N, C-alpha and C. Protein backbone atom coordinates (compact mmCIF):
# COMPACT_ATOMS: atom_id res chain seq x y z
N UNK A 1 -141.46 17.91 -43.91
CA UNK A 1 -140.93 17.19 -44.95
C UNK A 1 -142.10 16.32 -45.85
N UNK A 2 -141.50 16.03 -46.91
CA UNK A 2 -142.08 15.07 -47.28
C UNK A 2 -142.26 13.43 -46.76
N UNK A 3 -143.62 12.86 -46.62
CA UNK A 3 -143.95 11.89 -45.57
C UNK A 3 -144.10 11.60 -44.43
N UNK A 4 -144.37 13.10 -43.66
CA UNK A 4 -144.67 13.31 -42.40
C UNK A 4 -146.03 13.07 -42.48
N UNK A 5 -146.77 12.75 -41.52
CA UNK A 5 -146.32 11.84 -40.41
C UNK A 5 -145.85 10.38 -40.98
N UNK A 6 -144.25 10.03 -40.18
CA UNK A 6 -144.26 8.44 -40.77
C UNK A 6 -145.13 7.38 -40.00
N UNK A 7 -145.95 7.77 -38.74
CA UNK A 7 -146.90 7.05 -38.27
C UNK A 7 -147.67 8.08 -37.31
N UNK A 8 -149.13 7.48 -37.21
CA UNK A 8 -149.92 8.39 -36.39
C UNK A 8 -150.53 9.38 -37.67
N UNK A 9 -151.57 9.92 -37.03
CA UNK A 9 -152.60 11.06 -37.91
C UNK A 9 -152.38 11.97 -37.14
N UNK A 10 -152.53 13.67 -38.05
CA UNK A 10 -152.38 14.70 -37.34
C UNK A 10 -154.01 15.09 -37.40
N UNK A 11 -154.43 15.78 -36.08
CA UNK A 11 -156.04 15.46 -35.82
C UNK A 11 -156.20 17.18 -36.73
N UNK A 12 -157.17 17.41 -36.75
CA UNK A 12 -157.71 18.65 -37.32
C UNK A 12 -157.26 19.65 -36.40
N UNK A 13 -156.73 20.54 -37.21
CA UNK A 13 -156.50 22.29 -36.46
C UNK A 13 -157.29 22.67 -36.48
N UNK A 14 -157.84 23.62 -35.66
CA UNK A 14 -158.69 24.50 -35.65
C UNK A 14 -158.69 25.60 -34.39
N UNK A 15 -159.58 26.63 -34.61
CA UNK A 15 -159.49 27.89 -33.94
C UNK A 15 -158.62 27.91 -32.60
N UNK A 16 -157.63 28.44 -32.28
CA UNK A 16 -156.55 28.49 -31.14
C UNK A 16 -155.60 27.91 -31.19
N UNK A 17 -155.18 26.82 -32.24
CA UNK A 17 -154.21 25.82 -32.55
C UNK A 17 -153.11 26.54 -32.15
N UNK A 18 -152.05 26.11 -31.73
CA UNK A 18 -150.72 26.50 -31.76
C UNK A 18 -149.56 25.15 -31.54
N UNK A 19 -148.42 25.64 -31.37
CA UNK A 19 -147.35 24.66 -31.26
C UNK A 19 -145.84 25.16 -30.78
N UNK A 20 -145.30 24.27 -30.04
CA UNK A 20 -143.48 24.71 -29.30
C UNK A 20 -143.34 23.38 -29.21
N UNK A 21 -141.75 23.79 -29.24
CA UNK A 21 -140.83 22.73 -29.17
C UNK A 21 -140.71 22.74 -27.44
N UNK A 22 -140.78 21.56 -26.73
CA UNK A 22 -140.93 20.47 -25.48
C UNK A 22 -139.48 20.55 -25.40
N UNK A 23 -139.01 21.82 -24.38
CA UNK A 23 -137.79 21.91 -23.66
C UNK A 23 -136.69 22.07 -24.90
N UNK A 24 -135.31 21.25 -24.88
CA UNK A 24 -134.63 21.39 -25.88
C UNK A 24 -134.41 19.71 -26.87
N UNK A 25 -135.61 19.29 -26.65
CA UNK A 25 -135.60 17.77 -27.23
C UNK A 25 -136.02 18.10 -28.78
N UNK A 26 -136.43 16.95 -29.43
CA UNK A 26 -136.75 17.05 -31.07
C UNK A 26 -138.39 17.01 -31.14
N UNK A 27 -138.96 16.94 -29.80
CA UNK A 27 -140.65 17.01 -29.65
C UNK A 27 -141.06 18.28 -29.49
N UNK A 28 -142.61 18.14 -30.66
CA UNK A 28 -143.19 19.58 -30.64
C UNK A 28 -144.45 19.16 -29.97
N UNK A 29 -145.00 20.02 -29.21
CA UNK A 29 -146.53 19.92 -28.66
C UNK A 29 -147.27 20.52 -29.89
N UNK A 30 -148.22 19.95 -30.57
CA UNK A 30 -149.22 20.63 -31.31
C UNK A 30 -150.33 20.88 -30.67
N UNK A 31 -151.02 21.98 -30.25
CA UNK A 31 -152.77 22.11 -29.51
C UNK A 31 -153.28 22.13 -30.54
N UNK A 32 -153.90 21.25 -30.93
CA UNK A 32 -154.95 21.13 -31.82
C UNK A 32 -156.34 22.28 -32.29
N UNK A 33 -156.31 22.87 -30.96
CA UNK A 33 -157.32 23.79 -31.09
C UNK A 33 -159.07 23.47 -31.04
N UNK A 34 -159.80 24.17 -30.42
CA UNK A 34 -161.15 24.01 -30.50
C UNK A 34 -161.57 22.56 -29.84
N UNK A 35 -160.62 22.35 -28.87
CA UNK A 35 -160.78 21.15 -27.72
C UNK A 35 -159.65 21.58 -26.80
N UNK A 36 -159.75 20.34 -25.99
CA UNK A 36 -158.78 19.88 -25.46
C UNK A 36 -157.31 18.74 -25.42
N UNK A 37 -157.38 18.98 -26.69
CA UNK A 37 -156.21 17.65 -27.22
C UNK A 37 -155.05 18.27 -27.96
N UNK A 38 -154.01 17.47 -27.58
CA UNK A 38 -152.60 17.96 -28.17
C UNK A 38 -152.07 16.48 -28.61
N UNK A 39 -150.95 16.71 -29.37
CA UNK A 39 -150.74 15.40 -29.95
C UNK A 39 -149.17 16.03 -29.97
N UNK A 40 -148.11 15.11 -29.85
CA UNK A 40 -146.90 15.24 -29.85
C UNK A 40 -145.92 14.50 -31.43
N UNK A 41 -144.92 15.67 -31.82
CA UNK A 41 -144.66 15.33 -33.15
C UNK A 41 -143.22 15.10 -32.62
N UNK A 42 -142.45 13.78 -33.17
CA UNK A 42 -141.03 13.50 -32.87
C UNK A 42 -140.41 14.09 -33.93
N UNK A 43 -139.58 15.03 -34.48
CA UNK A 43 -138.95 15.68 -35.41
C UNK A 43 -138.25 14.60 -35.77
N UNK A 44 -137.46 13.91 -35.08
CA UNK A 44 -136.28 12.75 -35.54
C UNK A 44 -136.99 11.57 -36.94
N UNK A 45 -138.25 11.23 -35.51
CA UNK A 45 -138.57 9.90 -36.49
C UNK A 45 -139.93 10.07 -37.73
N UNK A 46 -140.59 11.73 -37.54
CA UNK A 46 -141.36 12.24 -38.11
C UNK A 46 -142.96 11.49 -37.67
N UNK A 47 -142.75 10.98 -36.44
CA UNK A 47 -144.45 10.06 -35.49
C UNK A 47 -144.80 11.20 -35.01
N UNK A 48 -146.12 10.96 -34.98
CA UNK A 48 -147.05 11.82 -34.04
C UNK A 48 -147.88 10.71 -33.53
N UNK A 49 -148.15 11.25 -32.02
CA UNK A 49 -148.95 10.34 -30.99
C UNK A 49 -149.53 11.29 -30.06
N UNK A 50 -150.35 10.65 -29.22
CA UNK A 50 -151.38 11.76 -28.95
C UNK A 50 -150.43 12.24 -27.17
N UNK A 51 -150.64 13.52 -27.31
CA UNK A 51 -150.21 14.22 -26.25
C UNK A 51 -150.90 14.22 -25.14
N UNK A 52 -150.82 15.17 -23.90
CA UNK A 52 -151.19 15.00 -22.87
C UNK A 52 -152.28 15.84 -23.06
N UNK A 53 -153.64 15.72 -22.26
CA UNK A 53 -154.83 16.56 -22.33
C UNK A 53 -154.64 17.75 -21.51
N UNK A 54 -155.28 19.02 -22.25
CA UNK A 54 -155.49 20.44 -21.67
C UNK A 54 -156.65 20.29 -20.62
N UNK A 55 -156.07 20.98 -19.63
CA UNK A 55 -157.10 21.04 -18.83
C UNK A 55 -158.46 22.12 -18.78
N UNK A 56 -158.17 22.62 -19.63
CA UNK A 56 -159.13 23.47 -20.52
C UNK A 56 -158.89 23.71 -21.91
N UNK A 57 -160.32 23.72 -22.47
CA UNK A 57 -160.47 23.25 -23.91
C UNK A 57 -159.56 24.77 -24.74
N UNK A 58 -158.78 24.88 -25.41
CA UNK A 58 -158.44 26.19 -26.14
C UNK A 58 -159.62 26.13 -27.31
N UNK A 59 -160.58 27.46 -27.14
CA UNK A 59 -161.19 28.01 -28.05
C UNK A 59 -161.18 29.28 -28.37
N UNK A 60 -160.35 29.89 -28.38
CA UNK A 60 -160.51 31.37 -28.62
C UNK A 60 -159.07 31.84 -29.76
N UNK A 61 -158.60 32.59 -29.26
CA UNK A 61 -157.17 33.28 -29.54
C UNK A 61 -155.87 32.29 -29.33
N UNK A 62 -155.22 32.16 -30.06
CA UNK A 62 -154.12 31.25 -30.15
C UNK A 62 -153.02 31.92 -29.54
N UNK A 63 -152.52 31.48 -28.03
CA UNK A 63 -151.16 32.20 -27.43
C UNK A 63 -150.50 31.43 -26.68
N UNK A 64 -149.48 31.14 -26.84
CA UNK A 64 -148.47 30.35 -25.92
C UNK A 64 -147.45 31.50 -25.45
N UNK A 65 -147.01 30.96 -24.15
CA UNK A 65 -145.84 31.98 -24.23
C UNK A 65 -144.97 31.19 -23.40
N UNK A 66 -143.34 30.84 -23.75
CA UNK A 66 -142.27 29.99 -23.01
C UNK A 66 -141.84 30.78 -22.33
N UNK A 67 -141.95 30.23 -20.65
CA UNK A 67 -141.39 31.31 -19.62
C UNK A 67 -140.41 30.40 -18.65
N UNK A 68 -139.23 30.74 -18.79
CA UNK A 68 -138.14 30.10 -17.82
C UNK A 68 -138.59 30.19 -16.31
N UNK A 69 -138.29 29.41 -15.21
CA UNK A 69 -138.67 29.54 -13.84
C UNK A 69 -137.48 30.25 -13.58
N UNK A 70 -137.36 31.10 -12.69
CA UNK A 70 -135.93 32.10 -12.30
C UNK A 70 -135.39 30.91 -11.36
N UNK A 71 -133.88 31.11 -11.53
CA UNK A 71 -132.99 30.34 -10.77
C UNK A 71 -133.16 28.45 -10.91
N UNK A 72 -133.69 28.32 -11.96
CA UNK A 72 -133.71 26.50 -12.07
C UNK A 72 -133.57 26.60 -13.41
N UNK A 73 -133.41 25.13 -13.81
CA UNK A 73 -133.44 25.08 -15.53
C UNK A 73 -134.85 24.63 -16.16
N UNK A 74 -136.05 24.92 -15.16
CA UNK A 74 -137.56 24.20 -15.53
C UNK A 74 -137.76 25.67 -16.52
N UNK A 75 -138.96 25.16 -17.11
CA UNK A 75 -139.63 25.95 -18.13
C UNK A 75 -140.88 25.76 -18.18
N UNK A 76 -141.95 26.95 -18.08
CA UNK A 76 -143.26 26.41 -18.20
C UNK A 76 -143.79 27.25 -19.77
N UNK A 77 -144.83 26.78 -19.68
CA UNK A 77 -145.50 27.34 -21.38
C UNK A 77 -146.57 27.47 -20.95
N UNK A 78 -147.27 29.00 -20.97
CA UNK A 78 -148.61 29.58 -20.60
C UNK A 78 -148.96 29.42 -21.76
N UNK A 79 -150.54 28.77 -21.62
CA UNK A 79 -151.57 28.12 -22.63
C UNK A 79 -152.79 29.27 -22.25
N UNK A 80 -153.21 30.20 -23.33
CA UNK A 80 -154.82 30.51 -23.16
C UNK A 80 -155.44 29.52 -23.88
N UNK A 81 -156.73 29.28 -22.82
CA UNK A 81 -157.87 28.44 -23.39
C UNK A 81 -158.95 29.44 -23.76
N UNK A 82 -159.50 30.13 -23.23
CA UNK A 82 -160.83 30.73 -23.37
C UNK A 82 -161.16 31.53 -22.22
N UNK A 83 -161.81 32.85 -22.26
CA UNK A 83 -162.24 33.18 -21.42
C UNK A 83 -161.08 33.75 -20.51
N UNK A 84 -161.31 33.66 -19.17
CA UNK A 84 -159.94 33.98 -18.24
C UNK A 84 -159.20 32.83 -17.82
N UNK A 85 -159.31 31.43 -18.72
CA UNK A 85 -158.71 30.50 -18.54
C UNK A 85 -157.49 29.92 -19.06
N UNK A 86 -156.32 29.89 -18.47
CA UNK A 86 -155.09 29.34 -19.03
C UNK A 86 -154.73 28.04 -18.38
N UNK A 87 -153.94 27.17 -19.30
CA UNK A 87 -153.40 25.89 -18.78
C UNK A 87 -151.59 26.33 -18.72
N UNK A 88 -150.88 25.67 -18.22
CA UNK A 88 -149.76 25.97 -17.88
C UNK A 88 -149.01 24.46 -18.03
N UNK A 89 -147.67 24.36 -18.75
CA UNK A 89 -147.28 23.16 -19.67
C UNK A 89 -145.99 23.17 -18.98
N UNK A 90 -145.63 22.02 -17.98
CA UNK A 90 -144.20 22.14 -17.68
C UNK A 90 -143.33 21.36 -18.31
N UNK A 91 -142.20 21.72 -19.23
CA UNK A 91 -141.42 21.06 -19.80
C UNK A 91 -140.82 19.94 -19.15
N UNK A 92 -140.50 19.91 -17.97
CA UNK A 92 -140.01 18.59 -17.76
C UNK A 92 -140.46 17.45 -17.45
N UNK A 93 -141.70 17.81 -16.72
CA UNK A 93 -142.48 16.29 -16.56
C UNK A 93 -143.42 16.10 -17.78
N UNK A 94 -143.72 16.86 -18.78
CA UNK A 94 -144.49 16.89 -20.07
C UNK A 94 -146.09 16.46 -19.37
N UNK A 95 -146.76 17.48 -18.46
CA UNK A 95 -147.86 17.66 -17.80
C UNK A 95 -148.66 18.75 -18.14
N UNK A 96 -149.71 18.80 -18.05
CA UNK A 96 -150.38 20.16 -17.63
C UNK A 96 -150.94 20.72 -16.27
N UNK A 97 -150.68 21.89 -15.59
CA UNK A 97 -151.38 22.13 -14.93
C UNK A 97 -152.64 23.18 -14.96
N UNK A 98 -153.48 23.60 -14.14
CA UNK A 98 -154.42 24.36 -14.05
C UNK A 98 -155.76 23.90 -14.54
N UNK A 99 -157.09 24.62 -14.85
CA UNK A 99 -156.80 25.72 -15.51
C UNK A 99 -156.48 26.74 -14.30
N UNK A 100 -155.76 27.75 -14.38
CA UNK A 100 -155.73 29.12 -13.86
C UNK A 100 -156.18 30.25 -14.31
N UNK A 101 -156.56 31.26 -13.25
CA UNK A 101 -157.64 32.24 -13.99
C UNK A 101 -156.80 33.42 -13.80
N UNK A 102 -156.80 34.06 -14.70
CA UNK A 102 -156.40 35.53 -15.07
C UNK A 102 -157.23 36.86 -14.57
N UNK A 103 -158.06 36.56 -13.87
CA UNK A 103 -159.46 37.23 -13.36
C UNK A 103 -160.34 38.11 -14.42
N UNK A 104 -159.79 38.82 -15.34
CA UNK A 104 -159.88 39.49 -16.18
C UNK A 104 -160.05 38.82 -17.71
N UNK A 105 -161.01 38.39 -18.80
CA UNK A 105 -161.41 37.50 -19.63
C UNK A 105 -160.35 37.97 -20.64
N UNK A 106 -159.37 37.29 -21.29
CA UNK A 106 -158.41 37.47 -22.58
C UNK A 106 -159.32 37.00 -24.13
N UNK A 107 -158.67 37.57 -24.82
CA UNK A 107 -158.97 37.15 -26.27
C UNK A 107 -158.26 37.86 -27.28
N UNK A 108 -158.88 38.16 -28.60
CA UNK A 108 -158.24 38.55 -29.48
C UNK A 108 -157.20 39.93 -29.10
N UNK A 109 -156.19 39.62 -29.77
CA UNK A 109 -154.91 40.82 -29.46
C UNK A 109 -154.28 40.01 -28.17
N UNK A 110 -154.27 38.91 -27.82
CA UNK A 110 -153.51 38.44 -26.38
C UNK A 110 -151.98 38.68 -26.75
N UNK A 111 -151.42 38.96 -26.04
CA UNK A 111 -149.95 39.19 -26.30
C UNK A 111 -149.16 39.22 -24.77
N UNK A 112 -147.92 38.62 -24.92
CA UNK A 112 -146.86 38.41 -23.54
C UNK A 112 -145.33 38.65 -23.92
N UNK A 113 -144.40 39.03 -22.96
CA UNK A 113 -143.32 38.80 -22.72
C UNK A 113 -142.74 38.44 -21.41
N UNK A 114 -141.56 38.00 -21.55
CA UNK A 114 -140.96 37.65 -20.21
C UNK A 114 -140.32 39.00 -19.88
N UNK A 115 -140.30 39.48 -18.57
CA UNK A 115 -140.05 40.51 -17.85
C UNK A 115 -138.29 40.06 -17.68
N UNK A 116 -137.44 41.36 -18.05
CA UNK A 116 -135.84 40.97 -18.17
C UNK A 116 -135.64 41.03 -16.50
N UNK A 117 -134.56 40.59 -16.16
CA UNK A 117 -133.84 40.35 -15.25
C UNK A 117 -133.69 41.57 -14.06
N UNK A 118 -133.69 42.52 -15.03
CA UNK A 118 -133.66 43.87 -13.79
C UNK A 118 -135.00 44.53 -13.89
N UNK A 119 -136.02 43.42 -13.84
CA UNK A 119 -137.25 44.14 -13.17
C UNK A 119 -137.60 43.95 -11.86
N UNK A 120 -136.63 43.82 -10.79
CA UNK A 120 -137.30 43.83 -9.53
C UNK A 120 -137.90 42.59 -9.32
N UNK A 121 -138.80 42.68 -8.51
CA UNK A 121 -139.50 41.41 -7.90
C UNK A 121 -140.27 40.57 -9.05
N UNK A 122 -140.31 41.37 -9.73
CA UNK A 122 -141.38 40.69 -11.11
C UNK A 122 -139.91 39.83 -12.07
N UNK A 123 -138.87 40.14 -12.27
CA UNK A 123 -137.68 39.43 -12.81
C UNK A 123 -138.10 37.98 -12.87
N UNK A 124 -138.52 37.51 -14.25
CA UNK A 124 -138.55 36.31 -14.72
C UNK A 124 -139.91 35.75 -14.74
N UNK A 125 -140.68 36.72 -14.21
CA UNK A 125 -142.43 36.63 -14.78
C UNK A 125 -142.93 37.36 -16.09
N UNK A 126 -143.96 36.65 -16.40
CA UNK A 126 -144.39 37.28 -17.97
C UNK A 126 -145.32 38.38 -17.54
N UNK A 127 -145.32 39.29 -18.51
CA UNK A 127 -146.12 40.67 -18.57
C UNK A 127 -147.12 40.33 -19.33
N UNK A 128 -148.61 39.93 -19.44
CA UNK A 128 -149.40 39.37 -20.23
C UNK A 128 -150.62 40.82 -20.57
N UNK A 129 -150.57 40.81 -22.07
CA UNK A 129 -151.55 41.53 -22.24
C UNK A 129 -152.51 41.03 -22.92
N UNK A 130 -153.88 41.01 -22.06
CA UNK A 130 -155.13 40.04 -21.95
C UNK A 130 -155.89 40.04 -23.55
N UNK A 131 -155.63 41.35 -24.10
CA UNK A 131 -156.41 41.82 -25.44
C UNK A 131 -157.73 41.87 -24.91
N UNK A 132 -158.54 41.52 -26.06
CA UNK A 132 -159.98 41.38 -25.86
C UNK A 132 -160.41 43.12 -25.27
N UNK A 133 -159.83 43.93 -25.68
CA UNK A 133 -160.39 45.07 -24.94
C UNK A 133 -160.06 44.99 -23.48
N UNK A 134 -159.11 44.00 -22.96
CA UNK A 134 -159.22 44.53 -21.50
C UNK A 134 -157.74 45.58 -21.32
N UNK A 135 -157.98 46.49 -20.61
CA UNK A 135 -157.11 47.35 -20.34
C UNK A 135 -155.71 47.04 -19.41
N UNK A 136 -156.27 46.37 -18.46
CA UNK A 136 -155.29 45.87 -17.58
C UNK A 136 -154.14 44.81 -18.00
N UNK A 137 -152.84 45.01 -17.27
CA UNK A 137 -151.87 44.06 -17.53
C UNK A 137 -151.59 43.01 -16.35
N UNK A 138 -151.51 42.22 -16.55
CA UNK A 138 -151.45 41.08 -15.82
C UNK A 138 -150.13 40.21 -15.88
N UNK A 139 -149.53 39.86 -14.61
CA UNK A 139 -148.21 39.32 -14.31
C UNK A 139 -148.27 37.87 -14.01
N UNK A 140 -147.57 36.90 -14.83
CA UNK A 140 -147.82 35.63 -14.68
C UNK A 140 -146.82 35.23 -13.83
N UNK A 141 -146.24 34.51 -12.72
CA UNK A 141 -145.65 33.87 -11.75
C UNK A 141 -145.28 32.56 -12.29
N UNK A 142 -144.17 31.87 -12.95
CA UNK A 142 -143.99 30.77 -13.42
C UNK A 142 -143.54 29.94 -12.16
N UNK A 143 -143.27 30.52 -10.99
CA UNK A 143 -142.95 29.57 -10.03
C UNK A 143 -144.60 29.02 -9.01
N UNK A 144 -145.34 30.32 -8.89
CA UNK A 144 -146.56 29.84 -8.21
C UNK A 144 -147.71 29.32 -9.22
N UNK A 145 -147.37 29.24 -10.47
CA UNK A 145 -148.51 29.24 -11.53
C UNK A 145 -149.80 30.07 -11.11
N UNK A 146 -149.34 31.34 -10.83
CA UNK A 146 -150.42 32.37 -10.89
C UNK A 146 -150.47 33.54 -11.39
N UNK A 147 -151.42 34.42 -11.36
CA UNK A 147 -151.83 35.73 -12.11
C UNK A 147 -151.89 36.63 -10.92
N UNK A 148 -151.72 37.99 -10.86
CA UNK A 148 -151.73 39.24 -10.08
C UNK A 148 -151.59 40.03 -11.18
N UNK A 149 -152.61 41.09 -10.72
CA UNK A 149 -152.63 42.46 -11.56
C UNK A 149 -151.24 43.25 -11.64
N UNK A 150 -150.77 43.91 -12.81
CA UNK A 150 -149.44 44.44 -12.72
C UNK A 150 -149.71 45.93 -11.81
N UNK A 151 -151.08 46.43 -11.90
CA UNK A 151 -151.31 47.68 -11.50
C UNK A 151 -151.37 48.53 -12.55
N UNK A 152 -151.03 48.33 -13.62
CA UNK A 152 -150.48 48.99 -15.18
C UNK A 152 -152.07 49.25 -15.81
N UNK A 153 -152.45 50.15 -16.66
CA UNK A 153 -153.66 49.97 -17.43
C UNK A 153 -152.93 50.46 -18.89
N UNK A 154 -153.44 50.26 -19.75
CA UNK A 154 -153.33 50.84 -21.39
C UNK A 154 -154.37 51.84 -21.44
N UNK A 155 -155.48 51.67 -20.70
CA UNK A 155 -156.46 52.98 -20.88
C UNK A 155 -155.94 53.90 -21.56
N UNK A 156 -155.50 55.07 -21.12
CA UNK A 156 -154.89 56.10 -21.61
C UNK A 156 -154.27 55.84 -22.97
N UNK A 157 -153.48 55.03 -23.03
CA UNK A 157 -152.87 55.07 -24.44
C UNK A 157 -153.73 54.23 -25.67
N UNK A 158 -154.70 53.50 -25.24
CA UNK A 158 -155.40 52.78 -26.02
C UNK A 158 -156.47 52.69 -25.86
N UNK A 159 -157.36 53.44 -26.02
CA UNK A 159 -158.98 53.64 -25.89
C UNK A 159 -159.34 52.71 -26.15
N UNK A 160 -159.29 52.55 -27.32
CA UNK A 160 -160.34 50.90 -27.73
C UNK A 160 -159.52 49.80 -27.15
N UNK A 161 -158.80 49.82 -26.38
CA UNK A 161 -158.51 48.61 -25.90
C UNK A 161 -157.30 47.83 -26.57
N UNK A 162 -156.27 46.83 -26.40
CA UNK A 162 -155.68 45.79 -27.43
C UNK A 162 -156.90 45.44 -27.70
N UNK A 163 -156.52 44.56 -28.94
CA UNK A 163 -157.39 43.56 -29.80
C UNK A 163 -157.05 43.14 -30.83
N UNK A 164 -157.86 42.87 -31.75
CA UNK A 164 -157.48 42.03 -33.29
C UNK A 164 -156.59 43.08 -33.68
N UNK A 165 -155.13 42.16 -34.12
CA UNK A 165 -154.42 43.23 -34.84
C UNK A 165 -153.50 43.57 -34.37
N UNK A 166 -153.15 43.50 -32.63
CA UNK A 166 -151.95 43.98 -32.23
C UNK A 166 -151.04 43.26 -32.16
N UNK A 167 -150.00 44.17 -31.94
CA UNK A 167 -148.49 43.55 -32.16
C UNK A 167 -147.53 43.75 -30.85
N UNK A 168 -146.39 42.75 -30.77
CA UNK A 168 -145.73 43.32 -29.47
C UNK A 168 -144.41 43.34 -29.59
N UNK A 169 -144.02 44.40 -29.95
CA UNK A 169 -141.89 44.48 -30.31
C UNK A 169 -141.36 45.03 -29.36
N UNK A 170 -140.25 44.21 -28.98
CA UNK A 170 -138.96 44.49 -27.94
C UNK A 170 -138.77 45.80 -28.72
N UNK A 171 -138.18 46.67 -28.13
CA UNK A 171 -137.18 47.77 -28.78
C UNK A 171 -135.79 47.41 -28.62
N UNK A 172 -135.07 47.74 -29.51
CA UNK A 172 -133.56 47.13 -29.29
C UNK A 172 -132.34 48.11 -29.29
N UNK A 173 -132.95 49.53 -29.91
CA UNK A 173 -131.80 50.24 -29.49
C UNK A 173 -132.15 51.51 -29.32
N UNK A 174 -131.47 52.50 -29.05
CA UNK A 174 -132.01 53.76 -28.97
C UNK A 174 -132.15 53.96 -27.57
N UNK A 175 -132.79 54.91 -27.12
CA UNK A 175 -133.22 55.59 -25.99
C UNK A 175 -133.91 54.54 -25.15
N UNK A 176 -135.25 53.89 -25.97
CA UNK A 176 -136.10 53.21 -25.48
C UNK A 176 -135.61 51.46 -25.57
N UNK A 177 -134.16 51.56 -25.64
CA UNK A 177 -133.91 49.77 -25.56
C UNK A 177 -134.30 49.62 -24.78
N UNK A 178 -134.73 47.93 -24.83
CA UNK A 178 -134.96 47.07 -23.65
C UNK A 178 -136.58 46.98 -23.41
N UNK A 179 -137.00 48.08 -23.81
CA UNK A 179 -138.74 48.54 -23.59
C UNK A 179 -139.35 47.87 -24.50
N UNK A 180 -140.64 47.84 -24.56
CA UNK A 180 -141.70 47.07 -25.50
C UNK A 180 -142.51 47.81 -26.19
N UNK A 181 -142.90 47.54 -27.47
CA UNK A 181 -143.92 48.45 -28.19
C UNK A 181 -145.36 47.63 -28.35
N UNK A 182 -146.19 48.21 -27.90
CA UNK A 182 -147.16 47.30 -28.26
C UNK A 182 -148.24 48.25 -29.34
N UNK A 183 -148.50 47.82 -30.20
CA UNK A 183 -149.80 48.17 -31.18
C UNK A 183 -150.68 47.50 -31.18
N UNK A 184 -151.94 48.48 -30.41
CA UNK A 184 -153.13 48.38 -29.99
C UNK A 184 -153.72 47.52 -30.76
N UNK A 185 -153.62 47.43 -32.31
CA UNK A 185 -154.75 47.09 -33.07
C UNK A 185 -155.79 47.37 -32.81
N UNK A 186 -157.37 46.89 -33.05
CA UNK A 186 -158.34 47.34 -32.83
C UNK A 186 -158.87 48.72 -33.66
N UNK A 187 -158.24 48.87 -34.85
CA UNK A 187 -158.51 50.30 -35.44
C UNK A 187 -158.09 51.57 -34.54
N UNK A 188 -157.19 51.27 -33.79
CA UNK A 188 -156.54 52.44 -32.89
C UNK A 188 -154.77 52.53 -33.03
């Protein structure tokens, strides 16, 4: 809208930047990118203020994923920083934890989705395709704020790995309804 911000100044937006709505509020957390700084935009008033500092600098591919915590009203936001480092934002307390490690390095092409409730022991967790030509998929558990290997690999179907230009789409009809399609990018 015209005239925003009404107060405060928006910092420079750089590589890795992103934004997301905090819970069901009028607040938007802005990840400024190329740093550990964030800002909070109040959509009702147009005011921008300093947000909580990230536990790691966001320096690379922009990625954040909203992950509800199973059997609670809590929500976590998984944010990629750089290399194998991620931050986790708790929507209720509006604080960050981490950094946590995915073990393998992530980067261009990173994608993720929340596993449906019919996914057995991993229901409500998030599957993360790390990109950066890394073939192994990882599972983020929002209860423990930790990663484990899924035991799955994309090596056979994406020989060049998932990288720049990748897309992740949920199939909504037909024989594969409810499954996910990964377009690998990386000219493959």
